[in-house]
Every structure is written in structure tokens, then in C-alpha cells.
Amino acid sequence: MGWNSANRIFDPVARALIDTGADDNTKRKVLGDLISELQDGDWDTEDESLEDFLTDPAIVKAFADKGVHLSDKRCCRAEHAKDPAAYLLALRHEDVTEDEMARAIDAYAHHLAQRIRATRDEVRSGAQPLAVLDYVADLIDPKARS
């Protein structure tokens, strides 16, 4: 049996922490403990509260610490920044906007260009291969020229 009313407990506490300017560590600890207790009481709509606080990284991390994620993984942007390809795959969901998909594609292009430029520094076989790698990186992500 699920417990939807836990949202009415969690959400005001989270808002109060935000409104009072609690630091991220405090929010993560307090809300993490609260999430655990509410889950023990069979809270089955954690994702709804998570959705309401997606703009607060500390709250998102508190949910992630307790194994709560949105089905489309929009809650894990920081983790996806480490692996843009995984982020693109996670965006295959009907609730994802075209703008969000475009931002993810741009981030992936930037990531690829950075990897190419990093590889360029390892290539030691002459100037021509370096010029080709620079050219490809600039095609992928011209603004990130280093």
C-alpha cells in the first residue's frame, strides 16, 4: 500500500530549508534523513517531490542518495555531464522538450571536441595530423577553441 501524503510532509520541509538559506550539506543531510524515514513508511510518490525540486542540486542529490530518480533521468544532469552519450540516451522519453535535447546534443559535441583536442596533444607524428584533429574539433564545436 502506497503513501502519497508523504509529499505533504517532505515538500514544506524542503521549501523551508530553501527559504531559510540552508547550505547544500544541511539540505542534503536533513532531507536525506527525512526521505529515508518516509520511505520506511512506504512513500511511493517520491518522484513527484523530486520533480518539484529539480532546480536544487542538493535536494536532487538527497533523493539520488536514497535511490530515487525520475524515469527519464532528468534529475541526474551532473552525472550525465560526465558521460554526455549516456545523457542523450536517457533523454529518449516523451516528456523531454526539444530545447533540452538540443542542449544535450550541444554538450555532447563540446565533449567530443574536448576529447579530440586532448588526443591531439598525445599525437606526436607531425604537424599534419594535429592540424586535421584541430580542424575536426573546430567543426564539431567552434566556440570551444582552446
N, C-alpha and C. Protein backbone atom coordinates (compact mmCIF):
# COMPACT_ATOMS: atom_id res chain seq x y z
N MET A 1 0.85 -1.18 0.00
CA MET A 1 0.00 0.00 0.00
C MET A 1 0.89 1.24 0.00
N GLY A 2 0.61 2.18 -0.89
CA GLY A 2 1.44 3.37 -1.04
C GLY A 2 1.05 4.49 -0.09
N TRP A 3 1.93 5.47 0.00
CA TRP A 3 1.71 6.58 0.90
C TRP A 3 1.99 7.87 0.16
N ASN A 4 0.95 8.43 -0.45
CA ASN A 4 1.06 9.65 -1.24
C ASN A 4 1.15 10.89 -0.36
N SER A 5 0.57 10.84 0.82
CA SER A 5 0.54 12.04 1.67
C SER A 5 1.92 12.42 2.20
N ALA A 6 2.92 11.61 2.01
CA ALA A 6 4.27 11.96 2.46
C ALA A 6 4.77 13.19 1.72
N ASN A 7 4.29 13.43 0.52
CA ASN A 7 4.66 14.65 -0.20
C ASN A 7 4.28 15.89 0.61
N ARG A 8 3.17 15.82 1.33
CA ARG A 8 2.73 16.96 2.13
C ARG A 8 3.62 17.17 3.35
N ILE A 9 4.42 16.21 3.68
CA ILE A 9 5.40 16.37 4.75
C ILE A 9 6.73 16.84 4.16
N PHE A 10 7.19 16.17 3.12
CA PHE A 10 8.50 16.47 2.54
C PHE A 10 8.57 17.87 1.93
N ASP A 11 7.60 18.20 1.08
CA ASP A 11 7.68 19.44 0.30
C ASP A 11 7.79 20.69 1.18
N PRO A 12 6.99 20.85 2.23
CA PRO A 12 7.14 22.06 3.07
C PRO A 12 8.49 22.12 3.79
N VAL A 13 9.02 20.99 4.19
CA VAL A 13 10.33 20.98 4.85
C VAL A 13 11.40 21.41 3.86
N ALA A 14 11.35 20.87 2.65
CA ALA A 14 12.33 21.24 1.62
C ALA A 14 12.23 22.72 1.30
N ARG A 15 11.00 23.23 1.15
CA ARG A 15 10.82 24.66 0.85
C ARG A 15 11.35 25.53 1.99
N ALA A 16 11.12 25.11 3.23
CA ALA A 16 11.59 25.87 4.39
C ALA A 16 13.13 25.92 4.41
N LEU A 17 13.77 24.83 4.08
CA LEU A 17 15.23 24.82 4.04
C LEU A 17 15.74 25.76 2.95
N ILE A 18 15.08 25.77 1.81
CA ILE A 18 15.46 26.68 0.73
C ILE A 18 15.24 28.13 1.15
N ASP A 19 14.04 28.40 1.69
CA ASP A 19 13.67 29.77 2.06
C ASP A 19 14.57 30.35 3.15
N THR A 20 15.06 29.51 4.04
CA THR A 20 15.91 29.99 5.12
C THR A 20 17.38 30.05 4.74
N GLY A 21 17.69 29.63 3.52
CA GLY A 21 19.06 29.71 3.03
C GLY A 21 19.98 28.63 3.57
N ALA A 22 19.42 27.49 3.90
CA ALA A 22 20.25 26.39 4.40
C ALA A 22 21.30 26.02 3.34
N ASP A 23 22.50 25.70 3.81
CA ASP A 23 23.55 25.33 2.86
C ASP A 23 23.26 23.94 2.28
N ASP A 24 23.95 23.62 1.20
CA ASP A 24 23.68 22.37 0.49
C ASP A 24 23.91 21.13 1.35
N ASN A 25 24.95 21.13 2.17
CA ASN A 25 25.21 19.98 3.03
C ASN A 25 24.08 19.75 4.02
N THR A 26 23.56 20.84 4.57
CA THR A 26 22.46 20.73 5.52
C THR A 26 21.21 20.20 4.83
N LYS A 27 20.89 20.77 3.67
CA LYS A 27 19.71 20.29 2.93
C LYS A 27 19.84 18.80 2.61
N ARG A 28 21.02 18.42 2.14
CA ARG A 28 21.22 17.02 1.73
C ARG A 28 21.08 16.08 2.92
N LYS A 29 21.64 16.45 4.06
CA LYS A 29 21.59 15.60 5.26
C LYS A 29 20.17 15.53 5.83
N VAL A 30 19.57 16.70 6.06
CA VAL A 30 18.24 16.74 6.67
C VAL A 30 17.21 16.05 5.76
N LEU A 31 17.22 16.41 4.49
CA LEU A 31 16.24 15.82 3.58
C LEU A 31 16.53 14.35 3.30
N GLY A 32 17.80 13.99 3.29
CA GLY A 32 18.14 12.57 3.11
C GLY A 32 17.58 11.73 4.24
N ASP A 33 17.74 12.23 5.47
CA ASP A 33 17.19 11.50 6.62
C ASP A 33 15.66 11.45 6.55
N LEU A 34 15.04 12.56 6.14
CA LEU A 34 13.59 12.59 6.01
C LEU A 34 13.11 11.63 4.93
N ILE A 35 13.80 11.62 3.80
CA ILE A 35 13.44 10.70 2.71
C ILE A 35 13.48 9.25 3.21
N SER A 36 14.54 8.90 3.93
CA SER A 36 14.66 7.53 4.46
C SER A 36 13.47 7.17 5.34
N GLU A 37 13.13 8.07 6.24
CA GLU A 37 12.01 7.80 7.16
C GLU A 37 10.69 7.67 6.41
N LEU A 38 10.48 8.56 5.43
CA LEU A 38 9.24 8.50 4.67
C LEU A 38 9.18 7.23 3.81
N GLN A 39 10.33 6.82 3.28
CA GLN A 39 10.37 5.57 2.51
C GLN A 39 10.06 4.38 3.40
N ASP A 40 10.54 4.42 4.64
CA ASP A 40 10.23 3.34 5.57
C ASP A 40 8.73 3.25 5.81
N GLY A 41 8.04 4.38 5.67
CA GLY A 41 6.59 4.40 5.81
C GLY A 41 5.88 4.11 4.50
N ASP A 42 6.60 3.60 3.50
CA ASP A 42 6.06 3.18 2.21
C ASP A 42 5.68 4.36 1.31
N TRP A 43 6.52 5.40 1.30
CA TRP A 43 6.32 6.55 0.41
C TRP A 43 6.52 6.09 -1.02
N ASP A 44 5.50 6.18 -1.81
CA ASP A 44 5.61 5.67 -3.18
C ASP A 44 5.52 6.76 -4.25
N THR A 45 5.51 8.01 -3.83
CA THR A 45 5.44 9.10 -4.81
C THR A 45 6.62 10.07 -4.64
N GLU A 46 7.77 9.52 -4.26
CA GLU A 46 8.95 10.37 -4.08
C GLU A 46 9.29 11.12 -5.35
N ASP A 47 9.06 10.46 -6.47
CA ASP A 47 9.41 11.08 -7.75
C ASP A 47 8.64 12.37 -7.99
N GLU A 48 7.43 12.48 -7.45
CA GLU A 48 6.65 13.71 -7.61
C GLU A 48 7.32 14.86 -6.85
N SER A 49 7.79 14.59 -5.65
CA SER A 49 8.50 15.62 -4.90
C SER A 49 9.83 15.94 -5.56
N LEU A 50 10.53 14.94 -6.03
CA LEU A 50 11.79 15.17 -6.74
C LEU A 50 11.55 16.09 -7.93
N GLU A 51 10.51 15.85 -8.68
CA GLU A 51 10.17 16.68 -9.85
C GLU A 51 9.99 18.15 -9.44
N ASP A 52 9.41 18.38 -8.28
CA ASP A 52 9.17 19.75 -7.82
C ASP A 52 10.45 20.49 -7.42
N PHE A 53 11.54 19.75 -7.17
CA PHE A 53 12.77 20.37 -6.69
C PHE A 53 13.96 20.10 -7.60
N LEU A 54 13.71 19.88 -8.88
CA LEU A 54 14.79 19.58 -9.83
C LEU A 54 15.82 20.70 -9.96
N THR A 55 15.44 21.92 -9.62
CA THR A 55 16.37 23.04 -9.77
C THR A 55 17.32 23.19 -8.59
N ASP A 56 17.17 22.36 -7.57
CA ASP A 56 18.05 22.44 -6.41
C ASP A 56 18.95 21.20 -6.37
N PRO A 57 20.22 21.35 -6.75
CA PRO A 57 21.11 20.19 -6.84
C PRO A 57 21.26 19.41 -5.53
N ALA A 58 21.25 20.09 -4.39
CA ALA A 58 21.41 19.39 -3.12
C ALA A 58 20.21 18.49 -2.83
N ILE A 59 19.02 18.96 -3.17
CA ILE A 59 17.83 18.14 -2.95
C ILE A 59 17.82 16.97 -3.92
N VAL A 60 18.22 17.22 -5.15
CA VAL A 60 18.29 16.13 -6.14
C VAL A 60 19.28 15.07 -5.65
N LYS A 61 20.41 15.51 -5.10
CA LYS A 61 21.40 14.55 -4.58
C LYS A 61 20.86 13.79 -3.38
N ALA A 62 20.07 14.45 -2.54
CA ALA A 62 19.47 13.76 -1.40
C ALA A 62 18.57 12.62 -1.88
N PHE A 63 17.81 12.88 -2.93
CA PHE A 63 16.97 11.82 -3.50
C PHE A 63 17.83 10.72 -4.12
N ALA A 64 18.85 11.13 -4.87
CA ALA A 64 19.72 10.14 -5.53
C ALA A 64 20.40 9.25 -4.48
N ASP A 65 20.80 9.85 -3.36
CA ASP A 65 21.44 9.08 -2.29
C ASP A 65 20.52 7.96 -1.80
N LYS A 66 19.23 8.17 -1.92
CA LYS A 66 18.24 7.20 -1.43
C LYS A 66 17.63 6.38 -2.57
N GLY A 67 18.27 6.46 -3.76
CA GLY A 67 17.84 5.63 -4.88
C GLY A 67 16.62 6.12 -5.63
N VAL A 68 16.31 7.41 -5.49
CA VAL A 68 15.14 7.96 -6.17
C VAL A 68 15.58 8.77 -7.38
N HIS A 69 15.07 8.40 -8.55
CA HIS A 69 15.37 9.08 -9.80
C HIS A 69 14.09 9.17 -10.62
N LEU A 70 14.06 10.12 -11.53
CA LEU A 70 12.95 10.18 -12.47
C LEU A 70 13.19 9.15 -13.56
N SER A 71 12.12 8.66 -14.15
CA SER A 71 12.26 7.62 -15.17
C SER A 71 13.09 8.08 -16.35
N ASP A 72 13.05 9.38 -16.67
CA ASP A 72 13.82 9.90 -17.81
C ASP A 72 15.20 10.41 -17.40
N LYS A 73 15.55 10.28 -16.12
CA LYS A 73 16.87 10.64 -15.58
C LYS A 73 17.21 12.12 -15.72
N ARG A 74 16.21 13.00 -15.88
CA ARG A 74 16.49 14.44 -15.92
C ARG A 74 17.10 14.91 -14.61
N CYS A 75 16.91 14.16 -13.58
CA CYS A 75 17.42 14.52 -12.26
C CYS A 75 18.93 14.35 -12.14
N CYS A 76 19.54 13.72 -13.09
CA CYS A 76 20.95 13.36 -12.97
C CYS A 76 21.84 14.14 -13.92
N ARG A 77 21.55 15.40 -14.16
CA ARG A 77 22.34 16.19 -15.11
C ARG A 77 23.82 16.24 -14.75
N ALA A 78 24.13 16.36 -13.48
CA ALA A 78 25.54 16.44 -13.09
C ALA A 78 26.26 15.14 -13.44
N GLU A 79 25.61 14.04 -13.19
CA GLU A 79 26.21 12.76 -13.54
C GLU A 79 26.32 12.61 -15.04
N HIS A 80 25.30 13.07 -15.75
CA HIS A 80 25.32 12.96 -17.21
C HIS A 80 26.38 13.86 -17.83
N ALA A 81 26.75 14.93 -17.15
CA ALA A 81 27.79 15.80 -17.69
C ALA A 81 29.10 15.04 -17.84
N LYS A 82 29.30 14.03 -17.01
CA LYS A 82 30.50 13.20 -17.10
C LYS A 82 30.42 12.25 -18.28
N ASP A 83 29.20 11.93 -18.73
CA ASP A 83 29.02 10.99 -19.84
C ASP A 83 27.87 11.47 -20.72
N PRO A 84 28.16 12.43 -21.61
CA PRO A 84 27.11 13.02 -22.44
C PRO A 84 26.38 12.01 -23.32
N ALA A 85 27.05 10.96 -23.75
CA ALA A 85 26.37 9.95 -24.57
C ALA A 85 25.27 9.26 -23.77
N ALA A 86 25.54 8.95 -22.51
CA ALA A 86 24.53 8.34 -21.66
C ALA A 86 23.36 9.30 -21.45
N TYR A 87 23.68 10.58 -21.33
CA TYR A 87 22.63 11.58 -21.15
C TYR A 87 21.70 11.61 -22.36
N LEU A 88 22.29 11.59 -23.56
CA LEU A 88 21.46 11.58 -24.76
C LEU A 88 20.53 10.37 -24.77
N LEU A 89 21.04 9.22 -24.40
CA LEU A 89 20.21 8.02 -24.36
C LEU A 89 19.11 8.14 -23.31
N ALA A 90 19.42 8.78 -22.19
CA ALA A 90 18.42 8.94 -21.13
C ALA A 90 17.30 9.90 -21.54
N LEU A 91 17.56 10.75 -22.51
CA LEU A 91 16.55 11.72 -22.94
C LEU A 91 15.48 11.12 -23.85
N ARG A 92 15.61 9.86 -24.19
CA ARG A 92 14.60 9.23 -25.04
C ARG A 92 13.32 9.00 -24.23
N HIS A 93 12.58 10.05 -24.03
CA HIS A 93 11.38 10.00 -23.21
C HIS A 93 10.43 11.07 -23.72
N GLU A 94 9.15 10.81 -23.69
CA GLU A 94 8.19 11.76 -24.28
C GLU A 94 8.09 13.09 -23.55
N ASP A 95 8.54 13.16 -22.30
CA ASP A 95 8.45 14.40 -21.54
C ASP A 95 9.62 15.35 -21.77
N VAL A 96 10.59 14.95 -22.58
CA VAL A 96 11.77 15.77 -22.81
C VAL A 96 11.49 16.74 -23.95
N THR A 97 11.77 18.01 -23.70
CA THR A 97 11.49 19.04 -24.71
C THR A 97 12.58 19.05 -25.78
N GLU A 98 12.25 19.64 -26.90
CA GLU A 98 13.21 19.76 -27.99
C GLU A 98 14.40 20.63 -27.57
N ASP A 99 14.14 21.68 -26.79
CA ASP A 99 15.22 22.54 -26.31
C ASP A 99 16.19 21.77 -25.42
N GLU A 100 15.66 20.92 -24.55
CA GLU A 100 16.53 20.14 -23.67
C GLU A 100 17.37 19.16 -24.49
N MET A 101 16.76 18.56 -25.50
CA MET A 101 17.51 17.65 -26.36
C MET A 101 18.60 18.41 -27.11
N ALA A 102 18.30 19.61 -27.60
CA ALA A 102 19.29 20.41 -28.32
C ALA A 102 20.46 20.77 -27.39
N ARG A 103 20.17 21.12 -26.13
CA ARG A 103 21.25 21.42 -25.18
C ARG A 103 22.12 20.19 -24.93
N ALA A 104 21.49 19.04 -24.86
CA ALA A 104 22.25 17.80 -24.64
C ALA A 104 23.14 17.49 -25.83
N ILE A 105 22.65 17.72 -27.03
CA ILE A 105 23.44 17.48 -28.24
C ILE A 105 24.62 18.44 -28.28
N ASP A 106 24.38 19.71 -27.95
CA ASP A 106 25.47 20.69 -27.90
C ASP A 106 26.52 20.29 -26.86
N ALA A 107 26.08 19.82 -25.72
CA ALA A 107 27.02 19.39 -24.67
C ALA A 107 27.83 18.19 -25.15
N TYR A 108 27.20 17.30 -25.87
CA TYR A 108 27.92 16.13 -26.39
C TYR A 108 28.95 16.56 -27.44
N ALA A 109 28.58 17.49 -28.31
CA ALA A 109 29.52 17.99 -29.31
C ALA A 109 30.72 18.65 -28.63
N HIS A 110 30.46 19.43 -27.61
CA HIS A 110 31.53 20.09 -26.86
C HIS A 110 32.46 19.03 -26.23
N HIS A 111 31.85 18.00 -25.64
CA HIS A 111 32.60 16.91 -25.04
C HIS A 111 33.50 16.21 -26.07
N LEU A 112 32.94 15.94 -27.25
CA LEU A 112 33.73 15.31 -28.31
C LEU A 112 34.91 16.18 -28.73
N ALA A 113 34.65 17.47 -28.90
CA ALA A 113 35.72 18.38 -29.29
C ALA A 113 36.82 18.41 -28.24
N GLN A 114 36.45 18.41 -26.98
CA GLN A 114 37.46 18.41 -25.91
C GLN A 114 38.29 17.13 -25.95
N ARG A 115 37.63 16.00 -26.20
CA ARG A 115 38.36 14.73 -26.28
C ARG A 115 39.31 14.73 -27.46
N ILE A 116 38.87 15.28 -28.59
CA ILE A 116 39.74 15.35 -29.77
C ILE A 116 40.95 16.22 -29.47
N ARG A 117 40.71 17.37 -28.85
CA ARG A 117 41.83 18.26 -28.54
C ARG A 117 42.79 17.63 -27.53
N ALA A 118 42.25 16.88 -26.59
CA ALA A 118 43.11 16.20 -25.62
C ALA A 118 43.95 15.12 -26.33
N THR A 119 43.33 14.43 -27.27
CA THR A 119 44.05 13.41 -28.04
C THR A 119 45.13 14.05 -28.89
N ARG A 120 44.84 15.23 -29.42
CA ARG A 120 45.80 15.96 -30.26
C ARG A 120 47.13 16.12 -29.55
N ASP A 121 47.06 16.41 -28.27
CA ASP A 121 48.28 16.62 -27.50
C ASP A 121 49.11 15.34 -27.37
N GLU A 122 48.45 14.19 -27.54
CA GLU A 122 49.16 12.92 -27.43
C GLU A 122 49.76 12.48 -28.77
N VAL A 123 49.28 13.06 -29.86
CA VAL A 123 49.78 12.68 -31.18
C VAL A 123 51.16 13.31 -31.39
N ARG A 124 52.11 12.51 -31.75
CA ARG A 124 53.47 13.01 -31.88
C ARG A 124 54.04 12.78 -33.29
N SER A 125 53.18 12.50 -34.24
CA SER A 125 53.69 12.12 -35.56
C SER A 125 53.64 13.26 -36.57
N GLY A 126 53.87 14.46 -36.17
CA GLY A 126 53.99 15.55 -37.13
C GLY A 126 52.85 16.54 -37.05
N ALA A 127 53.01 17.63 -37.78
CA ALA A 127 52.05 18.74 -37.73
C ALA A 127 50.77 18.45 -38.50
N GLN A 128 50.83 17.68 -39.55
CA GLN A 128 49.64 17.44 -40.38
C GLN A 128 48.52 16.76 -39.58
N PRO A 129 48.80 15.65 -38.85
CA PRO A 129 47.71 15.05 -38.08
C PRO A 129 47.13 16.00 -37.04
N LEU A 130 47.97 16.83 -36.43
CA LEU A 130 47.48 17.80 -35.45
C LEU A 130 46.53 18.80 -36.09
N ALA A 131 46.87 19.27 -37.27
CA ALA A 131 46.02 20.22 -37.98
C ALA A 131 44.67 19.59 -38.32
N VAL A 132 44.68 18.34 -38.70
CA VAL A 132 43.43 17.64 -39.02
C VAL A 132 42.57 17.51 -37.77
N LEU A 133 43.18 17.13 -36.65
CA LEU A 133 42.42 17.00 -35.40
C LEU A 133 41.84 18.35 -34.97
N ASP A 134 42.62 19.41 -35.09
CA ASP A 134 42.11 20.75 -34.76
C ASP A 134 40.94 21.12 -35.65
N TYR A 135 41.07 20.82 -36.93
CA TYR A 135 40.01 21.14 -37.89
C TYR A 135 38.72 20.40 -37.54
N VAL A 136 38.84 19.12 -37.22
CA VAL A 136 37.65 18.32 -36.87
C VAL A 136 37.04 18.84 -35.58
N ALA A 137 37.86 19.13 -34.59
CA ALA A 137 37.34 19.65 -33.32
C ALA A 137 36.62 20.98 -33.54
N ASP A 138 37.17 21.85 -34.39
CA ASP A 138 36.53 23.14 -34.67
C ASP A 138 35.22 22.97 -35.42
N LEU A 139 35.14 21.95 -36.27
CA LEU A 139 33.87 21.68 -36.95
C LEU A 139 32.80 21.24 -35.96
N ILE A 140 33.19 20.43 -35.02
CA ILE A 140 32.23 19.91 -34.03
C ILE A 140 31.80 21.00 -33.06
N ASP A 141 32.75 21.81 -32.61
CA ASP A 141 32.46 22.77 -31.55
C ASP A 141 33.34 24.02 -31.72
N PRO A 142 32.99 24.90 -32.63
CA PRO A 142 33.87 26.02 -32.94
C PRO A 142 34.07 27.01 -31.79
N LYS A 143 33.13 27.14 -30.87
CA LYS A 143 33.24 28.12 -29.79
C LYS A 143 34.23 27.69 -28.72
N ALA A 144 34.54 26.41 -28.65
CA ALA A 144 35.38 25.91 -27.56
C ALA A 144 36.86 25.89 -27.93
N ARG A 145 37.26 26.57 -28.95
CA ARG A 145 38.66 26.58 -29.41
C ARG A 145 39.57 26.96 -28.25
N SER A 146 40.53 26.10 -28.01
CA SER A 146 41.46 26.38 -26.89
C SER A 146 42.80 26.84 -27.38
